[in-house]
Amino acid sequence: MFISLQIQNMAVVLDGEFSSFGELESSVRQYEKRNFVELYIRSSRTIEGMKKRAPKRMFNDELKFGELQYACIHGGRNYNSKSKGARPNQQ
């Protein structure tokens, strides 16, 4: 099982393959220490969730996550609200 990591924040691109999630996390922590940044998991999609969306597609059951998106705590993407600003039944 392999996980591919790409960090594109601050014009840095890392691309590596990891045999486990623990190995990925330790690599991310080392990256944080080397570059003096803090990263967090901005969004993720589990294999179970991906199976619900695409039941005919085959997934590796040994993995927990199908997608992980890391972001810097200071330079992550801005939150885009989908709200229209209307609050119904507020009298």
PDB file of N, CA and C in Angstrom:
ATOM      1  N   MET A   1       0.843  -1.170   0.000  1.00  0.00           N
ATOM      2  CA  MET A   1       0.000   0.000   0.000  1.00  0.00           C
ATOM      3  C   MET A   1       0.886   1.228   0.000  1.00  0.00           C
ATOM      4  N   PHE A   2       0.554   2.193  -0.839  1.00  0.00           N
ATOM      5  CA  PHE A   2       1.352   3.389  -0.983  1.00  0.00           C
ATOM      6  C   PHE A   2       0.464   4.608  -0.861  1.00  0.00           C
ATOM      7  N   ILE A   3       1.020   5.634  -0.273  1.00  0.00           N
ATOM      8  CA  ILE A   3       0.319   6.909  -0.133  1.00  0.00           C
ATOM      9  C   ILE A   3       1.194   7.952  -0.795  1.00  0.00           C
ATOM     10  N   SER A   4       0.626   8.785  -1.618  1.00  0.00           N
ATOM     11  CA  SER A   4       1.382   9.841  -2.277  1.00  0.00           C
ATOM     12  C   SER A   4       1.081  11.148  -1.569  1.00  0.00           C
ATOM     13  N   LEU A   5       2.116  11.906  -1.261  1.00  0.00           N
ATOM     14  CA  LEU A   5       1.974  13.174  -0.537  1.00  0.00           C
ATOM     15  C   LEU A   5       2.441  14.297  -1.423  1.00  0.00           C
ATOM     16  N   GLN A   6       1.633  15.331  -1.547  1.00  0.00           N
ATOM     17  CA  GLN A   6       2.037  16.527  -2.255  1.00  0.00           C
ATOM     18  C   GLN A   6       1.717  17.719  -1.383  1.00  0.00           C
ATOM     19  N   ILE A   7       2.723  18.502  -1.090  1.00  0.00           N
ATOM     20  CA  ILE A   7       2.529  19.742  -0.351  1.00  0.00           C
ATOM     21  C   ILE A   7       2.905  20.859  -1.308  1.00  0.00           C
ATOM     22  N   GLN A   8       1.941  21.706  -1.661  1.00  0.00           N
ATOM     23  CA  GLN A   8       2.199  22.754  -2.624  1.00  0.00           C
ATOM     24  C   GLN A   8       2.142  24.130  -1.988  1.00  0.00           C
ATOM     25  N   ASN A   9       1.919  24.203  -0.694  1.00  0.00           N
ATOM     26  CA  ASN A   9       1.922  25.475  -0.003  1.00  0.00           C
ATOM     27  C   ASN A   9       3.347  26.009   0.023  1.00  0.00           C
ATOM     28  N   MET A  10       3.536  27.285  -0.109  1.00  0.00           N
ATOM     29  CA  MET A  10       4.836  27.935  -0.061  1.00  0.00           C
ATOM     30  C   MET A  10       5.730  27.479  -1.213  1.00  0.00           C
ATOM     31  N   ALA A  11       5.150  27.128  -2.354  1.00  0.00           N
ATOM     32  CA  ALA A  11       5.856  26.742  -3.568  1.00  0.00           C
ATOM     33  C   ALA A  11       6.784  25.549  -3.370  1.00  0.00           C
ATOM     34  N   VAL A  12       6.432  24.659  -2.463  1.00  0.00           N
ATOM     35  CA  VAL A  12       7.223  23.456  -2.223  1.00  0.00           C
ATOM     36  C   VAL A  12       6.397  22.261  -2.656  1.00  0.00           C
ATOM     37  N   VAL A  13       6.968  21.375  -3.435  1.00  0.00           N
ATOM     38  CA  VAL A  13       6.265  20.170  -3.845  1.00  0.00           C
ATOM     39  C   VAL A  13       7.077  18.965  -3.389  1.00  0.00           C
ATOM     40  N   LEU A  14       6.499  18.172  -2.521  1.00  0.00           N
ATOM     41  CA  LEU A  14       7.097  16.920  -2.085  1.00  0.00           C
ATOM     42  C   LEU A  14       6.245  15.812  -2.656  1.00  0.00           C
ATOM     43  N   ASP A  15       6.869  14.801  -3.167  1.00  0.00           N
ATOM     44  CA  ASP A  15       6.106  13.681  -3.690  1.00  0.00           C
ATOM     45  C   ASP A  15       6.805  12.413  -3.231  1.00  0.00           C
ATOM     46  N   GLY A  16       6.165  11.681  -2.345  1.00  0.00           N
ATOM     47  CA  GLY A  16       6.780  10.482  -1.825  1.00  0.00           C
ATOM     48  C   GLY A  16       5.768   9.377  -1.685  1.00  0.00           C
ATOM     49  N   GLU A  17       6.259   8.175  -1.551  1.00  0.00           N
ATOM     50  CA  GLU A  17       5.385   7.031  -1.338  1.00  0.00           C
ATOM     51  C   GLU A  17       5.671   6.470   0.039  1.00  0.00           C
ATOM     52  N   PHE A  18       4.616   6.138   0.765  1.00  0.00           N
ATOM     53  CA  PHE A  18       4.731   5.672   2.136  1.00  0.00           C
ATOM     54  C   PHE A  18       3.982   4.358   2.266  1.00  0.00           C
ATOM     55  N   SER A  19       4.539   3.458   3.039  1.00  0.00           N
ATOM     56  CA  SER A  19       3.924   2.147   3.168  1.00  0.00           C
ATOM     57  C   SER A  19       2.875   2.105   4.268  1.00  0.00           C
ATOM     58  N   SER A  20       2.789   3.151   5.098  1.00  0.00           N
ATOM     59  CA  SER A  20       1.773   3.181   6.148  1.00  0.00           C
ATOM     60  C   SER A  20       1.424   4.623   6.485  1.00  0.00           C
ATOM     61  N   PHE A  21       0.301   4.793   7.160  1.00  0.00           N
ATOM     62  CA  PHE A  21      -0.134   6.129   7.564  1.00  0.00           C
ATOM     63  C   PHE A  21       0.810   6.699   8.613  1.00  0.00           C
ATOM     64  N   GLY A  22       1.342   5.854   9.506  1.00  0.00           N
ATOM     65  CA  GLY A  22       2.293   6.311  10.522  1.00  0.00           C
ATOM     66  C   GLY A  22       3.561   6.868   9.894  1.00  0.00           C
ATOM     67  N   GLU A  23       4.019   6.217   8.831  1.00  0.00           N
ATOM     68  CA  GLU A  23       5.199   6.697   8.118  1.00  0.00           C
ATOM     69  C   GLU A  23       4.920   8.046   7.465  1.00  0.00           C
ATOM     70  N   LEU A  24       3.718   8.213   6.910  1.00  0.00           N
ATOM     71  CA  LEU A  24       3.314   9.494   6.330  1.00  0.00           C
ATOM     72  C   LEU A  24       3.312  10.575   7.393  1.00  0.00           C
ATOM     73  N   GLU A  25       2.704  10.301   8.545  1.00  0.00           N
ATOM     74  CA  GLU A  25       2.631  11.293   9.613  1.00  0.00           C
ATOM     75  C   GLU A  25       4.009  11.686  10.112  1.00  0.00           C
ATOM     76  N   SER A  26       4.910  10.724  10.274  1.00  0.00           N
ATOM     77  CA  SER A  26       6.251  11.063  10.750  1.00  0.00           C
ATOM     78  C   SER A  26       6.987  11.910   9.713  1.00  0.00           C
ATOM     79  N   SER A  27       6.767  11.643   8.427  1.00  0.00           N
ATOM     80  CA  SER A  27       7.382  12.445   7.383  1.00  0.00           C
ATOM     81  C   SER A  27       6.841  13.873   7.396  1.00  0.00           C
ATOM     82  N   VAL A  28       5.543  14.011   7.612  1.00  0.00           N
ATOM     83  CA  VAL A  28       4.937  15.347   7.688  1.00  0.00           C
ATOM     84  C   VAL A  28       5.480  16.096   8.897  1.00  0.00           C
ATOM     85  N   ARG A  29       5.627  15.424  10.035  1.00  0.00           N
ATOM     86  CA  ARG A  29       6.167  16.071  11.246  1.00  0.00           C
ATOM     87  C   ARG A  29       7.611  16.520  11.030  1.00  0.00           C
ATOM     88  N   GLN A  30       8.400  15.700  10.330  1.00  0.00           N
ATOM     89  CA  GLN A  30       9.774  16.087  10.021  1.00  0.00           C
ATOM     90  C   GLN A  30       9.790  17.308   9.099  1.00  0.00           C
ATOM     91  N   TYR A  31       8.877  17.325   8.122  1.00  0.00           N
ATOM     92  CA  TYR A  31       8.769  18.476   7.221  1.00  0.00           C
ATOM     93  C   TYR A  31       8.423  19.734   8.009  1.00  0.00           C
ATOM     94  N   GLU A  32       7.496  19.610   8.966  1.00  0.00           N
ATOM     95  CA  GLU A  32       7.110  20.751   9.791  1.00  0.00           C
ATOM     96  C   GLU A  32       8.301  21.290  10.576  1.00  0.00           C
ATOM     97  N   LYS A  33       9.090  20.412  11.158  1.00  0.00           N
ATOM     98  CA  LYS A  33      10.244  20.845  11.948  1.00  0.00           C
ATOM     99  C   LYS A  33      11.318  21.496  11.077  1.00  0.00           C
ATOM    100  N   ARG A  34      11.552  20.913   9.890  1.00  0.00           N
ATOM    101  CA  ARG A  34      12.579  21.464   9.002  1.00  0.00           C
ATOM    102  C   ARG A  34      12.214  22.846   8.484  1.00  0.00           C
ATOM    103  N   ASN A  35      10.916  23.058   8.201  1.00  0.00           N
ATOM    104  CA  ASN A  35      10.484  24.297   7.552  1.00  0.00           C
ATOM    105  C   ASN A  35       9.746  25.247   8.483  1.00  0.00           C
ATOM    106  N   PHE A  36       9.669  24.911   9.773  1.00  0.00           N
ATOM    107  CA  PHE A  36       9.047  25.781  10.775  1.00  0.00           C
ATOM    108  C   PHE A  36       7.611  26.161  10.413  1.00  0.00           C
ATOM    109  N   VAL A  37       6.819  25.155  10.060  1.00  0.00           N
ATOM    110  CA  VAL A  37       5.407  25.353   9.742  1.00  0.00           C
ATOM    111  C   VAL A  37       4.582  24.356  10.550  1.00  0.00           C
ATOM    112  N   GLU A  38       3.305  24.636  10.664  1.00  0.00           N
ATOM    113  CA  GLU A  38       2.365  23.690  11.265  1.00  0.00           C
ATOM    114  C   GLU A  38       1.329  23.336  10.221  1.00  0.00           C
ATOM    115  N   LEU A  39       1.163  22.055   9.971  1.00  0.00           N
ATOM    116  CA  LEU A  39       0.175  21.581   9.009  1.00  0.00           C
ATOM    117  C   LEU A  39      -0.926  20.845   9.756  1.00  0.00           C
ATOM    118  N   TYR A  40      -2.105  20.877   9.211  1.00  0.00           N
ATOM    119  CA  TYR A  40      -3.225  20.116   9.759  1.00  0.00           C
ATOM    120  C   TYR A  40      -3.963  19.465   8.603  1.00  0.00           C
ATOM    121  N   ILE A  41      -4.747  18.449   8.920  1.00  0.00           N
ATOM    122  CA  ILE A  41      -5.541  17.781   7.890  1.00  0.00           C
ATOM    123  C   ILE A  41      -6.787  18.615   7.649  1.00  0.00           C
ATOM    124  N   ARG A  42      -6.814  19.291   6.514  1.00  0.00           N
ATOM    125  CA  ARG A  42      -7.928  20.183   6.190  1.00  0.00           C
ATOM    126  C   ARG A  42      -9.169  19.395   5.812  1.00  0.00           C
ATOM    127  N   SER A  43      -8.980  18.343   5.030  1.00  0.00           N
ATOM    128  CA  SER A  43     -10.117  17.508   4.669  1.00  0.00           C
ATOM    129  C   SER A  43      -9.605  16.105   4.387  1.00  0.00           C
ATOM    130  N   SER A  44     -10.501  15.160   4.522  1.00  0.00           N
ATOM    131  CA  SER A  44     -10.138  13.775   4.259  1.00  0.00           C
ATOM    132  C   SER A  44     -11.371  13.022   3.786  1.00  0.00           C
ATOM    133  N   ARG A  45     -11.119  11.934   3.098  1.00  0.00           N
ATOM    134  CA  ARG A  45     -12.209  11.060   2.673  1.00  0.00           C
ATOM    135  C   ARG A  45     -11.766   9.639   2.964  1.00  0.00           C
ATOM    136  N   THR A  46     -12.561   8.939   3.738  1.00  0.00           N
ATOM    137  CA  THR A  46     -12.214   7.563   4.089  1.00  0.00           C
ATOM    138  C   THR A  46     -12.558   6.622   2.945  1.00  0.00           C
ATOM    139  N   ILE A  47     -11.972   5.440   2.996  1.00  0.00           N
ATOM    140  CA  ILE A  47     -12.258   4.420   1.991  1.00  0.00           C
ATOM    141  C   ILE A  47     -13.735   4.033   2.044  1.00  0.00           C
ATOM    142  N   GLU A  48     -14.299   3.964   3.270  1.00  0.00           N
ATOM    143  CA  GLU A  48     -15.726   3.632   3.406  1.00  0.00           C
ATOM    144  C   GLU A  48     -16.594   4.658   2.701  1.00  0.00           C
ATOM    145  N   GLY A  49     -16.261   5.943   2.857  1.00  0.00           N
ATOM    146  CA  GLY A  49     -17.010   6.998   2.193  1.00  0.00           C
ATOM    147  C   GLY A  49     -16.874   6.939   0.682  1.00  0.00           C
ATOM    148  N   MET A  50     -15.684   6.584   0.228  1.00  0.00           N
ATOM    149  CA  MET A  50     -15.468   6.481  -1.215  1.00  0.00           C
ATOM    150  C   MET A  50     -16.228   5.300  -1.803  1.00  0.00           C
ATOM    151  N   LYS A  51     -16.346   4.215  -1.029  1.00  0.00           N
ATOM    152  CA  LYS A  51     -17.113   3.055  -1.504  1.00  0.00           C
ATOM    153  C   LYS A  51     -18.591   3.398  -1.650  1.00  0.00           C
ATOM    154  N   LYS A  52     -19.100   4.254  -0.772  1.00  0.00           N
ATOM    155  CA  LYS A  52     -20.505   4.657  -0.865  1.00  0.00           C
ATOM    156  C   LYS A  52     -20.753   5.482  -2.115  1.00  0.00           C
ATOM    157  N   ARG A  53     -19.783   6.306  -2.499  1.00  0.00           N
ATOM    158  CA  ARG A  53     -19.947   7.148  -3.680  1.00  0.00           C
ATOM    159  C   ARG A  53     -19.738   6.375  -4.975  1.00  0.00           C
ATOM    160  N   ALA A  54     -18.819   5.403  -4.945  1.00  0.00           N
ATOM    161  CA  ALA A  54     -18.512   4.625  -6.152  1.00  0.00           C
ATOM    162  C   ALA A  54     -18.482   3.149  -5.794  1.00  0.00           C
ATOM    163  N   PRO A  55     -19.654   2.511  -5.668  1.00  0.00           N
ATOM    164  CA  PRO A  55     -19.694   1.122  -5.194  1.00  0.00           C
ATOM    165  C   PRO A  55     -19.058   0.107  -6.150  1.00  0.00           C
ATOM    166  N   LYS A  56     -18.971   0.408  -7.421  1.00  0.00           N
ATOM    167  CA  LYS A  56     -18.399  -0.542  -8.377  1.00  0.00           C
ATOM    168  C   LYS A  56     -16.874  -0.470  -8.432  1.00  0.00           C
ATOM    169  N   ARG A  57     -16.312   0.586  -7.903  1.00  0.00           N
ATOM    170  CA  ARG A  57     -14.865   0.773  -7.955  1.00  0.00           C
ATOM    171  C   ARG A  57     -14.182  -0.037  -6.853  1.00  0.00           C
ATOM    172  N   MET A  58     -13.006  -0.570  -7.155  1.00  0.00           N
ATOM    173  CA  MET A  58     -12.267  -1.379  -6.183  1.00  0.00           C
ATOM    174  C   MET A  58     -11.304  -0.498  -5.392  1.00  0.00           C
ATOM    175  N   PHE A  59     -11.262  -0.713  -4.071  1.00  0.00           N
ATOM    176  CA  PHE A  59     -10.374   0.036  -3.192  1.00  0.00           C
ATOM    177  C   PHE A  59      -9.582  -0.940  -2.340  1.00  0.00           C
ATOM    178  N   ASN A  60      -8.416  -0.509  -1.914  1.00  0.00           N
ATOM    179  CA  ASN A  60      -7.584  -1.307  -1.027  1.00  0.00           C
ATOM    180  C   ASN A  60      -8.132  -1.182   0.392  1.00  0.00           C
ATOM    181  N   ASP A  61      -8.636  -2.270   0.960  1.00  0.00           N
ATOM    182  CA  ASP A  61      -9.256  -2.235   2.283  1.00  0.00           C
ATOM    183  C   ASP A  61      -8.252  -2.049   3.411  1.00  0.00           C
ATOM    184  N   GLU A  62      -6.965  -2.200   3.130  1.00  0.00           N
ATOM    185  CA  GLU A  62      -5.955  -2.006   4.159  1.00  0.00           C
ATOM    186  C   GLU A  62      -5.769  -0.528   4.486  1.00  0.00           C
ATOM    187  N   LEU A  63      -6.176   0.345   3.570  1.00  0.00           N
ATOM    188  CA  LEU A  63      -6.045   1.781   3.794  1.00  0.00           C
ATOM    189  C   LEU A  63      -7.249   2.312   4.546  1.00  0.00           C
ATOM    190  N   LYS A  64      -7.045   3.380   5.309  1.00  0.00           N
ATOM    191  CA  LYS A  64      -8.146   4.015   6.011  1.00  0.00           C
ATOM    192  C   LYS A  64      -8.644   5.224   5.225  1.00  0.00           C
ATOM    193  N   PHE A  65      -7.727   5.999   4.653  1.00  0.00           N
ATOM    194  CA  PHE A  65      -8.087   7.204   3.926  1.00  0.00           C
ATOM    195  C   PHE A  65      -7.812   7.033   2.448  1.00  0.00           C
ATOM    196  N   GLY A  66      -8.696   7.553   1.622  1.00  0.00           N
ATOM    197  CA  GLY A  66      -8.486   7.580   0.194  1.00  0.00           C
ATOM    198  C   GLY A  66      -7.924   8.912  -0.249  1.00  0.00           C
ATOM    199  N   GLU A  67      -8.273   9.968   0.479  1.00  0.00           N
ATOM    200  CA  GLU A  67      -7.779  11.312   0.179  1.00  0.00           C
ATOM    201  C   GLU A  67      -7.480  12.024   1.486  1.00  0.00           C
ATOM    202  N   LEU A  68      -6.356  12.697   1.539  1.00  0.00           N
ATOM    203  CA  LEU A  68      -5.989  13.550   2.667  1.00  0.00           C
ATOM    204  C   LEU A  68      -5.482  14.857   2.108  1.00  0.00           C
ATOM    205  N   GLN A  69      -5.935  15.948   2.674  1.00  0.00           N
ATOM    206  CA  GLN A  69      -5.487  17.249   2.213  1.00  0.00           C
ATOM    207  C   GLN A  69      -4.923  18.003   3.403  1.00  0.00           C
ATOM    208  N   TYR A  70      -3.632  18.314   3.347  1.00  0.00           N
ATOM    209  CA  TYR A  70      -2.973  19.062   4.403  1.00  0.00           C
ATOM    210  C   TYR A  70      -2.950  20.540   4.038  1.00  0.00           C
ATOM    211  N   ALA A  71      -3.003  21.392   5.057  1.00  0.00           N
ATOM    212  CA  ALA A  71      -2.905  22.833   4.843  1.00  0.00           C
ATOM    213  C   ALA A  71      -2.103  23.443   5.975  1.00  0.00           C
ATOM    214  N   CYS A  72      -1.465  24.539   5.696  1.00  0.00           N
ATOM    215  CA  CYS A  72      -0.727  25.290   6.710  1.00  0.00           C
ATOM    216  C   CYS A  72      -1.734  26.047   7.566  1.00  0.00           C
ATOM    217  N   ILE A  73      -1.459  26.174   8.863  1.00  0.00           N
ATOM    218  CA  ILE A  73      -2.432  26.845   9.726  1.00  0.00           C
ATOM    219  C   ILE A  73      -2.541  28.332   9.407  1.00  0.00           C
ATOM    220  N   HIS A  74      -1.525  28.910   8.751  1.00  0.00           N
ATOM    221  CA  HIS A  74      -1.568  30.335   8.417  1.00  0.00           C
ATOM    222  C   HIS A  74      -1.897  30.584   6.947  1.00  0.00           C
ATOM    223  N   GLY A  75      -1.589  29.630   6.084  1.00  0.00           N
ATOM    224  CA  GLY A  75      -1.746  29.887   4.663  1.00  0.00           C
ATOM    225  C   GLY A  75      -2.679  28.938   3.956  1.00  0.00           C
ATOM    226  N   GLY A  76      -3.584  28.306   4.685  1.00  0.00           N
ATOM    227  CA  GLY A  76      -4.536  27.405   4.045  1.00  0.00           C
ATOM    228  C   GLY A  76      -5.540  28.170   3.213  1.00  0.00           C
ATOM    229  N   ARG A  77      -6.327  27.442   2.445  1.00  0.00           N
ATOM    230  CA  ARG A  77      -7.342  28.103   1.629  1.00  0.00           C
ATOM    231  C   ARG A  77      -8.389  28.756   2.510  1.00  0.00           C
ATOM    232  N   ASN A  78      -8.960  29.828   2.012  1.00  0.00           N
ATOM    233  CA  ASN A  78     -10.023  30.507   2.742  1.00  0.00           C
ATOM    234  C   ASN A  78     -11.299  29.684   2.689  1.00  0.00           C
ATOM    235  N   TYR A  79     -12.089  29.799   3.733  1.00  0.00           N
ATOM    236  CA  TYR A  79     -13.366  29.097   3.810  1.00  0.00           C
ATOM    237  C   TYR A  79     -14.380  29.816   2.943  1.00  0.00           C
ATOM    238  N   ASN A  80     -15.024  29.094   2.047  1.00  0.00           N
ATOM    239  CA  ASN A  80     -16.068  29.652   1.195  1.00  0.00           C
ATOM    240  C   ASN A  80     -17.411  29.146   1.679  1.00  0.00           C
ATOM    241  N   SER A  81     -18.214  30.052   2.216  1.00  0.00           N
ATOM    242  CA  SER A  81     -19.523  29.678   2.706  1.00  0.00           C
ATOM    243  C   SER A  81     -20.478  29.484   1.539  1.00  0.00           C
ATOM    244  N   LYS A  82     -21.330  28.501   1.647  1.00  0.00           N
ATOM    245  CA  LYS A  82     -22.337  28.258   0.621  1.00  0.00           C
ATOM    246  C   LYS A  82     -23.689  28.845   1.034  1.00  0.00           C
ATOM    247  N   SER A  83     -23.684  29.547   2.138  1.00  0.00           N
ATOM    248  CA  SER A  83     -24.895  30.149   2.660  1.00  0.00           C
ATOM    249  C   SER A  83     -25.318  31.327   1.797  1.00  0.00           C
ATOM    250  N   LYS A  84     -26.616  31.550   1.716  1.00  0.00           N
ATOM    251  CA  LYS A  84     -27.142  32.692   0.985  1.00  0.00           C
ATOM    252  C   LYS A  84     -27.367  33.885   1.916  1.00  0.00           C
ATOM    253  N   GLY A  85     -27.102  33.696   3.199  1.00  0.00           N
ATOM    254  CA  GLY A  85     -27.254  34.778   4.151  1.00  0.00           C
ATOM    255  C   GLY A  85     -28.659  34.913   4.705  1.00  0.00           C
ATOM    256  N   ALA A  86     -29.589  34.107   4.224  1.00  0.00           N
ATOM    257  CA  ALA A  86     -30.981  34.184   4.690  1.00  0.00           C
ATOM    258  C   ALA A  86     -31.195  33.213   5.824  1.00  0.00           C
ATOM    259  N   ARG A  87     -31.889  33.663   6.842  1.00  0.00           N
ATOM    260  CA  ARG A  87     -32.216  32.794   7.977  1.00  0.00           C
ATOM    261  C   ARG A  87     -33.737  32.675   8.035  1.00  0.00           C
ATOM    262  N   PRO A  88     -34.283  31.557   7.564  1.00  0.00           N
ATOM    263  CA  PRO A  88     -35.743  31.427   7.523  1.00  0.00           C
ATOM    264  C   PRO A  88     -36.341  31.292   8.932  1.00  0.00           C
ATOM    265  N   ASN A  89     -37.574  31.721   9.033  1.00  0.00           N
ATOM    266  CA  ASN A  89     -38.364  31.602  10.268  1.00  0.00           C
ATOM    267  C   ASN A  89     -37.698  32.274  11.468  1.00  0.00           C
ATOM    268  N   GLN A  90     -37.085  33.417  11.244  1.00  0.00           N
ATOM    269  CA  GLN A  90     -36.485  34.188  12.339  1.00  0.00           C
ATOM    270  C   GLN A  90     -37.301  35.453  12.526  1.00  0.00           C
ATOM    271  N   GLN A  91     -38.281  35.383  13.409  1.00  0.00           N
ATOM    272  CA  GLN A  91     -39.144  36.540  13.608  1.00  0.00           C
ATOM    273  C   GLN A  91     -38.913  37.156  14.958  1.00  0.00           C
TER     274      GLN A  91
END
